Structure formats: C-alpha cells, structure tokens
Amino acid sequence: MSHYLLIYDLADDYLSRRGEFRGVHLRMAWDAHAKGDLVLGGALGEPVDRAILMFKGESPKVAEDFAKADPYVTNGLVKAWTVRHWMTVVGDLAANPVRP
C-alpha cells in the first residue's frame, strides 16, 4: 500500500462555479473514503488555487480514476491535475514507517 496525492490546479472562477457541482463531487469523495481509497481531501486556502486529495492504494490508478470522473474536472473547475506518489514515513498512517 502506498499514498498518492491528487493535486488540482483550480480555475480562477472555481469558487463562483463550484456550487453547481459540489454535491456530486462531495458524494464521490465520501464514497471513495468509505471504500478506503480516499484518506483526506480539501482545497488550500488564501488563495484558493489548489486542492489536494490523499489516496491510498497499490497504484496511482485509484487517484487517476477519481480525477477522470470528478465533475470539478469534467466541467472545467480544475485547470490541470497531477498524481504524485507520496512516500509517507512518519505517523500512524505512514505507508513506510521509518523510526530513528
């Protein structure tokens, strides 16, 4: 099991347009969490220009599939997205704990 960060670059009009798609987006996110795929997610504040969702799985596919189906992506609220492997080493949820 590894962690993957799904990083969204948000459109300039994200805040004014998200209301129309927020219910479906949040339902998808909570469903992914209930399945054990999505650990945490949310937008960065001040400025609200990015969002980060932390997934866990055997490959980045779980995060990629989420992004491809997300109404924020399919309706242009996300300008670009990327998935990055995150080598977590500290904390109770770390995929690869390393202790001194």
Protein backbone atom coordinates (compact mmCIF):
# COMPACT_ATOMS: atom_id res chain seq x y z
CA MET A 1 0.00 0.00 0.00
CA SER A 2 1.22 3.48 -0.89
CA HIS A 3 -0.07 7.03 -0.64
CA TYR A 4 -0.80 9.19 -3.67
CA LEU A 5 -1.56 12.90 -3.76
CA LEU A 6 -4.07 14.09 -6.33
CA ILE A 7 -3.23 17.75 -6.86
CA TYR A 8 -5.76 20.02 -8.56
CA ASP A 9 -4.88 23.42 -10.05
CA LEU A 10 -8.16 25.26 -9.71
CA ALA A 11 -9.68 27.60 -12.28
CA ASP A 12 -9.91 31.29 -11.46
CA ASP A 13 -13.72 31.04 -11.24
CA TYR A 14 -13.67 27.88 -9.08
CA LEU A 15 -15.32 29.48 -6.04
CA SER A 16 -18.12 31.08 -8.03
CA ARG A 17 -18.89 27.89 -10.01
CA ARG A 18 -18.34 25.05 -7.56
CA GLY A 19 -21.83 25.19 -6.02
CA GLU A 20 -23.42 23.58 -9.07
CA PHE A 21 -21.13 20.53 -8.86
CA ARG A 22 -20.22 20.39 -5.17
CA GLY A 23 -22.87 17.87 -4.10
CA VAL A 24 -21.79 15.28 -6.69
CA HIS A 25 -18.10 15.94 -6.00
CA LEU A 26 -18.54 15.52 -2.25
CA ARG A 27 -20.64 12.38 -2.70
CA MET A 28 -17.86 10.89 -4.85
CA ALA A 29 -15.26 11.87 -2.27
CA TRP A 30 -17.17 10.41 0.69
CA ASP A 31 -17.87 7.23 -1.29
CA ALA A 32 -14.15 6.89 -2.05
CA HIS A 33 -13.40 7.44 1.63
CA ALA A 34 -15.95 4.79 2.65
CA LYS A 35 -14.24 2.32 0.29
CA GLY A 36 -10.92 3.08 1.97
CA ASP A 37 -9.38 4.79 -1.08
CA LEU A 38 -9.51 8.47 -0.07
CA VAL A 39 -7.83 9.38 3.21
CA LEU A 40 -8.20 13.18 3.25
CA GLY A 41 -9.13 15.89 0.80
CA GLY A 42 -9.77 19.60 0.58
CA ALA A 43 -8.88 22.91 -1.03
CA LEU A 44 -5.97 25.06 0.07
CA GLY A 45 -6.97 28.47 1.37
CA GLU A 46 -5.75 32.01 0.83
CA PRO A 47 -5.54 31.84 -2.11
CA VAL A 48 -7.95 29.07 -3.10
CA ASP A 49 -5.90 27.98 -6.11
CA ARG A 50 -5.25 24.29 -5.43
CA ALA A 51 -6.86 21.29 -3.83
CA ILE A 52 -5.14 18.16 -2.56
CA LEU A 53 -6.66 14.73 -2.05
CA MET A 54 -4.67 11.95 -0.39
CA PHE A 55 -5.40 8.43 -1.63
CA LYS A 56 -4.05 5.07 -0.61
CA GLY A 57 -3.73 2.06 -2.87
CA GLU A 58 -1.47 -0.29 -4.75
CA SER A 59 -1.04 2.14 -7.66
CA PRO A 60 -1.88 5.72 -8.68
CA LYS A 61 -4.86 4.39 -10.65
CA VAL A 62 -7.30 4.96 -7.78
CA ALA A 63 -6.49 8.70 -7.72
CA GLU A 64 -6.37 8.96 -11.52
CA ASP A 65 -9.77 7.29 -11.89
CA PHE A 66 -11.26 9.64 -9.31
CA ALA A 67 -9.97 12.71 -11.16
CA LYS A 68 -11.21 11.50 -14.55
CA ALA A 69 -14.76 11.11 -13.17
CA ASP A 70 -14.82 14.17 -10.88
CA PRO A 71 -17.35 16.80 -12.05
CA TYR A 72 -14.91 19.51 -10.96
CA VAL A 73 -12.51 18.18 -13.61
CA THR A 74 -15.05 17.33 -16.31
CA ASN A 75 -16.71 20.76 -16.02
CA GLY A 76 -13.53 22.86 -16.09
CA LEU A 77 -13.26 23.91 -12.45
CA VAL A 78 -9.87 22.19 -12.45
CA LYS A 79 -7.38 23.59 -14.99
CA ALA A 80 -4.92 20.72 -14.57
CA TRP A 81 -4.32 17.81 -12.25
CA THR A 82 -1.47 15.51 -11.40
CA VAL A 83 -0.95 12.46 -9.22
CA ARG A 84 2.23 12.13 -7.20
CA HIS A 85 3.46 9.18 -5.16
CA TRP A 86 3.98 10.33 -1.58
CA MET A 87 6.49 8.35 0.45
CA THR A 88 4.92 8.68 3.91
CA VAL A 89 7.34 7.73 6.69
CA VAL A 90 6.09 9.36 9.92
CA GLY A 91 2.74 8.97 11.67
CA ASP A 92 0.21 6.29 12.46
CA LEU A 93 -0.96 6.17 8.82
CA ALA A 94 2.52 6.12 7.26
CA ALA A 95 2.81 3.56 4.47
CA ASN A 96 6.56 3.13 5.06
CA PRO A 97 7.27 3.97 8.71
CA VAL A 98 10.86 4.89 9.48
CA ARG A 99 11.87 5.36 13.09
CA PRO A 100 15.18 6.67 14.40
